[in-house]
C-alpha cells in the first residue's frame, strides 16, 4: 500500500470506529472526495495501466471495511440492489455514474425478487462521493469508461444479497 492509501485507511478506521452510522459515513465521504482528486493516489491505484473491475486495495482487519478500486472500460450498470448487511460509499475518479435510488415496494420472497420504484437520480462526477447506508437501494449506470473507489462496510465477495427489480 502507498502512503496516501495507508493514511486514508487509518482515517476511515478512526471515523468508523467512533461512528459507523450515517454521520460517520458522511465524514468518510468527505475524506474520500479529497483522495479522488489526489493525482498521486489516482495514478497509483486507478491510472491508465489499471484495468481491474474489482481490486481490493485495503481490508480493515478490525472493522472489516474494504477500499476497492473499480475500472469499468465500457458502458455498464447494475440492477437495483443494496449491500445486504453492509453499507457502501461510491467515489468517482473518471467519467460519470448515474446513481438511481429506489423505494422498496415489495420485499423479496424466496427466489422472487423484490419490487422497487425509482425516487431519485444523482450524477457522480470526478471528485464526488455518495454514501448508501445498510438497506438503501440503489443502482449505478455508466455510459463510458469510468474509474471509481468504492468503500464497503464488509467484503461483499461472499455475502449473498437479495435481488430486486423495478416494478
C-alpha atoms as a PDB file:
ATOM      1  CA  UNK A   1       0.000   0.000   0.000  1.00  0.00           C
ATOM      2  CA  UNK A   2       1.113   3.515  -0.688  1.00  0.00           C
ATOM      3  CA  UNK A   3       1.467   6.186   1.973  1.00  0.00           C
ATOM      4  CA  UNK A   4      -1.663   8.041   0.833  1.00  0.00           C
ATOM      5  CA  UNK A   5      -3.773   4.880   0.958  1.00  0.00           C
ATOM      6  CA  UNK A   6      -2.297   3.972   4.375  1.00  0.00           C
ATOM      7  CA  UNK A   7      -3.203   7.394   5.777  1.00  0.00           C
ATOM      8  CA  UNK A   8      -6.692   7.357   4.219  1.00  0.00           C
ATOM      9  CA  UNK A   9      -7.410   3.837   5.536  1.00  0.00           C
ATOM     10  CA  UNK A  10      -6.291   4.879   9.032  1.00  0.00           C
ATOM     11  CA  UNK A  11      -8.554   7.960   8.913  1.00  0.00           C
ATOM     12  CA  UNK A  12     -11.506   5.838   7.755  1.00  0.00           C
ATOM     13  CA  UNK A  13     -10.816   3.345  10.550  1.00  0.00           C
ATOM     14  CA  UNK A  14     -10.803   6.080  13.193  1.00  0.00           C
ATOM     15  CA  UNK A  15     -14.013   7.675  11.871  1.00  0.00           C
ATOM     16  CA  UNK A  16     -15.902   4.385  11.536  1.00  0.00           C
ATOM     17  CA  UNK A  17     -14.733   3.053  14.892  1.00  0.00           C
ATOM     18  CA  UNK A  18     -16.213   6.163  16.505  1.00  0.00           C
ATOM     19  CA  UNK A  19     -19.388   6.269  14.344  1.00  0.00           C
ATOM     20  CA  UNK A  20     -20.364   3.683  11.729  1.00  0.00           C
ATOM     21  CA  UNK A  21     -23.782   5.322  11.243  1.00  0.00           C
ATOM     22  CA  UNK A  22     -24.903   7.943   8.727  1.00  0.00           C
ATOM     23  CA  UNK A  23     -22.765  10.724  10.221  1.00  0.00           C
ATOM     24  CA  UNK A  24     -19.629   8.561  10.101  1.00  0.00           C
ATOM     25  CA  UNK A  25     -20.345   7.557   6.503  1.00  0.00           C
ATOM     26  CA  UNK A  26     -20.760  11.204   5.510  1.00  0.00           C
ATOM     27  CA  UNK A  27     -17.456  12.053   7.183  1.00  0.00           C
ATOM     28  CA  UNK A  28     -15.733   9.245   5.250  1.00  0.00           C
ATOM     29  CA  UNK A  29     -17.352  10.616   2.051  1.00  0.00           C
ATOM     30  CA  UNK A  30     -15.718  13.997   2.658  1.00  0.00           C
ATOM     31  CA  UNK A  31     -12.319  12.367   3.196  1.00  0.00           C
ATOM     32  CA  UNK A  32     -12.807  10.225   0.075  1.00  0.00           C
ATOM     33  CA  UNK A  33     -13.603  13.264  -2.076  1.00  0.00           C
ATOM     34  CA  UNK A  34     -10.131  14.629  -1.285  1.00  0.00           C
ATOM     35  CA  UNK A  35      -8.492  11.329  -2.276  1.00  0.00           C
ATOM     36  CA  UNK A  36     -10.444  11.130  -5.548  1.00  0.00           C
ATOM     37  CA  UNK A  37      -8.636  14.213  -6.876  1.00  0.00           C
ATOM     38  CA  UNK A  38      -5.203  13.351  -5.470  1.00  0.00           C
ATOM     39  CA  UNK A  39      -3.109  12.816  -8.605  1.00  0.00           C
ATOM     40  CA  UNK A  40      -0.541  10.584  -6.880  1.00  0.00           C
ATOM     41  CA  UNK A  41      -3.228   8.304  -5.410  1.00  0.00           C
ATOM     42  CA  UNK A  42      -5.142   8.123  -8.697  1.00  0.00           C
ATOM     43  CA  UNK A  43      -2.015   7.353 -10.726  1.00  0.00           C
ATOM     44  CA  UNK A  44      -1.030   4.556  -8.342  1.00  0.00           C
ATOM     45  CA  UNK A  45      -4.419   2.867  -7.955  1.00  0.00           C
ATOM     46  CA  UNK A  46      -6.564   3.933 -10.921  1.00  0.00           C
ATOM     47  CA  UNK A  47      -4.074   5.072 -13.546  1.00  0.00           C
ATOM     48  CA  UNK A  48      -4.216   4.126 -17.225  1.00  0.00           C
ATOM     49  CA  UNK A  49      -2.361   0.839 -16.632  1.00  0.00           C
ATOM     50  CA  UNK A  50      -5.016  -0.338 -14.132  1.00  0.00           C
ATOM     51  CA  UNK A  51      -7.861  -2.392 -15.579  1.00  0.00           C
ATOM     52  CA  UNK A  52      -9.350  -4.490 -12.765  1.00  0.00           C
ATOM     53  CA  UNK A  53     -13.128  -4.374 -12.348  1.00  0.00           C
ATOM     54  CA  UNK A  54     -12.624  -5.042  -8.611  1.00  0.00           C
ATOM     55  CA  UNK A  55      -9.274  -4.625  -6.878  1.00  0.00           C
ATOM     56  CA  UNK A  56      -9.396  -4.662  -3.077  1.00  0.00           C
ATOM     57  CA  UNK A  57      -6.761  -2.134  -2.062  1.00  0.00           C
ATOM     58  CA  UNK A  58      -7.323  -2.438   1.683  1.00  0.00           C
ATOM     59  CA  UNK A  59      -9.386  -4.591   4.050  1.00  0.00           C
ATOM     60  CA  UNK A  60      -9.544  -3.394   7.637  1.00  0.00           C
ATOM     61  CA  UNK A  61      -8.565  -6.234   9.982  1.00  0.00           C
ATOM     62  CA  UNK A  62     -10.657  -4.935  12.888  1.00  0.00           C
ATOM     63  CA  UNK A  63     -13.750  -3.328  11.325  1.00  0.00           C
ATOM     64  CA  UNK A  64     -13.867  -5.328   8.074  1.00  0.00           C
ATOM     65  CA  UNK A  65     -14.467  -2.433   5.686  1.00  0.00           C
ATOM     66  CA  UNK A  66     -12.792  -2.586   2.270  1.00  0.00           C
ATOM     67  CA  UNK A  67     -11.421   0.113  -0.015  1.00  0.00           C
ATOM     68  CA  UNK A  68     -11.800  -1.066  -3.605  1.00  0.00           C
ATOM     69  CA  UNK A  69     -10.653   0.312  -6.962  1.00  0.00           C
ATOM     70  CA  UNK A  70     -13.024  -0.316  -9.870  1.00  0.00           C
ATOM     71  CA  UNK A  71     -12.304   0.171 -13.566  1.00  0.00           C
ATOM     72  CA  UNK A  72     -15.207  -0.160 -15.988  1.00  0.00           C
ATOM     73  CA  UNK A  73     -13.819   0.128 -19.513  1.00  0.00           C
ATOM     74  CA  UNK A  74     -17.187   0.240 -21.262  1.00  0.00           C
ATOM     75  CA  UNK A  75     -20.774   1.127 -20.514  1.00  0.00           C
ATOM     76  CA  UNK A  76     -22.063  -0.908 -17.587  1.00  0.00           C
ATOM     77  CA  UNK A  77     -24.571  -0.922 -14.800  1.00  0.00           C
ATOM     78  CA  UNK A  78     -26.235  -2.961 -12.114  1.00  0.00           C
ATOM     79  CA  UNK A  79     -29.832  -3.748 -11.254  1.00  0.00           C
ATOM     80  CA  UNK A  80     -31.312  -2.234  -8.094  1.00  0.00           C
ATOM     81  CA  UNK A  81     -29.519  -3.593  -5.035  1.00  0.00           C
ATOM     82  CA  UNK A  82     -28.419  -2.938  -1.513  1.00  0.00           C
ATOM     83  CA  UNK A  83     -25.304  -4.302   0.130  1.00  0.00           C
ATOM     84  CA  UNK A  84     -27.037  -6.767   2.408  1.00  0.00           C
ATOM     85  CA  UNK A  85     -25.876  -6.217   5.979  1.00  0.00           C
ATOM     86  CA  UNK A  86     -23.381  -3.600   4.836  1.00  0.00           C
ATOM     87  CA  UNK A  87     -23.207  -0.009   3.643  1.00  0.00           C
ATOM     88  CA  UNK A  88     -21.344   1.292   0.578  1.00  0.00           C
ATOM     89  CA  UNK A  89     -19.718   4.548  -0.481  1.00  0.00           C
ATOM     90  CA  UNK A  90     -19.064   5.268  -4.164  1.00  0.00           C
ATOM     91  CA  UNK A  91     -16.485   7.860  -5.225  1.00  0.00           C
ATOM     92  CA  UNK A  92     -15.918   8.915  -8.842  1.00  0.00           C
ATOM     93  CA  UNK A  93     -12.413   9.394 -10.239  1.00  0.00           C
ATOM     94  CA  UNK A  94     -13.006   9.400 -14.018  1.00  0.00           C
ATOM     95  CA  UNK A  95     -16.133   9.525 -16.149  1.00  0.00           C
ATOM     96  CA  UNK A  96     -19.590   9.788 -14.645  1.00  0.00           C
ATOM     97  CA  UNK A  97     -22.010   7.407 -12.989  1.00  0.00           C
ATOM     98  CA  UNK A  98     -25.744   7.903 -12.808  1.00  0.00           C
ATOM     99  CA  UNK A  99     -26.915   6.658  -9.412  1.00  0.00           C
ATOM    100  CA  UNK A 100     -30.596   5.842  -9.060  1.00  0.00           C
ATOM    101  CA  UNK A 101     -32.093   5.453  -5.601  1.00  0.00           C
ATOM    102  CA  UNK A 102     -35.199   3.327  -5.034  1.00  0.00           C
ATOM    103  CA  UNK A 103     -38.090   2.917  -2.643  1.00  0.00           C
ATOM    104  CA  UNK A 104     -38.969  -0.627  -1.644  1.00  0.00           C
ATOM    105  CA  UNK A 105     -42.480  -1.619  -2.712  1.00  0.00           C
ATOM    106  CA  UNK A 106     -42.351  -5.331  -2.044  1.00  0.00           C
ATOM    107  CA  UNK A 107     -39.755  -7.415  -0.201  1.00  0.00           C
ATOM    108  CA  UNK A 108     -38.082 -10.356  -1.967  1.00  0.00           C
ATOM    109  CA  UNK A 109     -39.769 -13.684  -1.285  1.00  0.00           C
ATOM    110  CA  UNK A 110     -37.620 -16.781  -1.754  1.00  0.00           C
ATOM    111  CA  UNK A 111     -36.461 -16.774  -5.379  1.00  0.00           C
ATOM    112  CA  UNK A 112     -38.822 -13.919  -6.286  1.00  0.00           C
ATOM    113  CA  UNK A 113     -37.067 -10.555  -6.485  1.00  0.00           C
ATOM    114  CA  UNK A 114     -38.370  -7.623  -4.518  1.00  0.00           C
ATOM    115  CA  UNK A 115     -40.106  -4.750  -6.293  1.00  0.00           C
ATOM    116  CA  UNK A 116     -38.825  -1.184  -6.212  1.00  0.00           C
ATOM    117  CA  UNK A 117     -39.576   2.170  -7.777  1.00  0.00           C
ATOM    118  CA  UNK A 118     -37.056   4.914  -8.575  1.00  0.00           C
ATOM    119  CA  UNK A 119     -37.242   8.026  -6.404  1.00  0.00           C
ATOM    120  CA  UNK A 120     -34.048   9.994  -7.083  1.00  0.00           C
ATOM    121  CA  UNK A 121     -31.236  10.172  -9.626  1.00  0.00           C
ATOM    122  CA  UNK A 122     -27.831  11.678  -8.814  1.00  0.00           C
ATOM    123  CA  UNK A 123     -24.867  12.119 -11.120  1.00  0.00           C
ATOM    124  CA  UNK A 124     -21.460  11.238  -9.707  1.00  0.00           C
ATOM    125  CA  UNK A 125     -18.694  13.166 -11.437  1.00  0.00           C
ATOM    126  CA  UNK A 126     -14.954  13.194 -10.705  1.00  0.00           C
ATOM    127  CA  UNK A 127     -14.236  14.204  -7.138  1.00  0.00           C
ATOM    128  CA  UNK A 128     -17.745  13.442  -5.840  1.00  0.00           C
ATOM    129  CA  UNK A 129     -18.799  10.646  -3.458  1.00  0.00           C
ATOM    130  CA  UNK A 130     -22.120   9.323  -2.204  1.00  0.00           C
ATOM    131  CA  UNK A 131     -22.939   7.012   0.715  1.00  0.00           C
ATOM    132  CA  UNK A 132     -25.641   4.358   0.956  1.00  0.00           C
ATOM    133  CA  UNK A 133     -26.434   3.061   4.419  1.00  0.00           C
ATOM    134  CA  UNK A 134     -27.478  -0.516   5.194  1.00  0.00           C
ATOM    135  CA  UNK A 135     -30.635  -1.363   3.231  1.00  0.00           C
ATOM    136  CA  UNK A 136     -30.618   1.692   0.965  1.00  0.00           C
ATOM    137  CA  UNK A 137     -31.460   0.510  -2.554  1.00  0.00           C
ATOM    138  CA  UNK A 138     -29.577   1.973  -5.498  1.00  0.00           C
ATOM    139  CA  UNK A 139     -28.146   1.159  -8.928  1.00  0.00           C
ATOM    140  CA  UNK A 140     -25.245   2.611 -10.918  1.00  0.00           C
ATOM    141  CA  UNK A 141     -25.300   3.208 -14.680  1.00  0.00           C
ATOM    142  CA  UNK A 142     -22.250   4.162 -16.715  1.00  0.00           C
ATOM    143  CA  UNK A 143     -22.271   5.202 -20.381  1.00  0.00           C
ATOM    144  CA  UNK A 144     -18.500   5.155 -20.955  1.00  0.00           C
ATOM    145  CA  UNK A 145     -15.278   4.211 -19.216  1.00  0.00           C
ATOM    146  CA  UNK A 146     -15.296   5.008 -15.501  1.00  0.00           C
ATOM    147  CA  UNK A 147     -12.839   4.679 -12.668  1.00  0.00           C
ATOM    148  CA  UNK A 148     -14.001   4.819  -9.088  1.00  0.00           C
ATOM    149  CA  UNK A 149     -13.286   3.939  -5.495  1.00  0.00           C
ATOM    150  CA  UNK A 150     -15.942   2.107  -3.523  1.00  0.00           C
ATOM    151  CA  UNK A 151     -15.751   1.531   0.195  1.00  0.00           C
ATOM    152  CA  UNK A 152     -17.845  -1.357   1.513  1.00  0.00           C
ATOM    153  CA  UNK A 153     -18.612  -1.933   5.184  1.00  0.00           C
ATOM    154  CA  UNK A 154     -17.657  -5.593   4.664  1.00  0.00           C
ATOM    155  CA  UNK A 155     -16.067  -7.612   1.887  1.00  0.00           C
ATOM    156  CA  UNK A 156     -19.092  -8.434  -0.282  1.00  0.00           C
ATOM    157  CA  UNK A 157     -17.344 -11.252  -2.183  1.00  0.00           C
ATOM    158  CA  UNK A 158     -19.015 -13.961  -0.103  1.00  0.00           C
ATOM    159  CA  UNK A 159     -22.183 -12.252   1.100  1.00  0.00           C
ATOM    160  CA  UNK A 160     -25.457 -13.277  -0.519  1.00  0.00           C
ATOM    161  CA  UNK A 161     -27.767 -10.389  -1.316  1.00  0.00           C
ATOM    162  CA  UNK A 162     -31.427 -10.199  -2.227  1.00  0.00           C
ATOM    163  CA  UNK A 163     -32.417  -9.306  -5.773  1.00  0.00           C
ATOM    164  CA  UNK A 164     -34.778  -6.516  -6.797  1.00  0.00           C
ATOM    165  CA  UNK A 165     -36.470  -5.327  -9.975  1.00  0.00           C
ATOM    166  CA  UNK A 166     -38.201  -2.130 -10.971  1.00  0.00           C
ATOM    167  CA  UNK A 167     -41.991  -2.500 -10.749  1.00  0.00           C
END
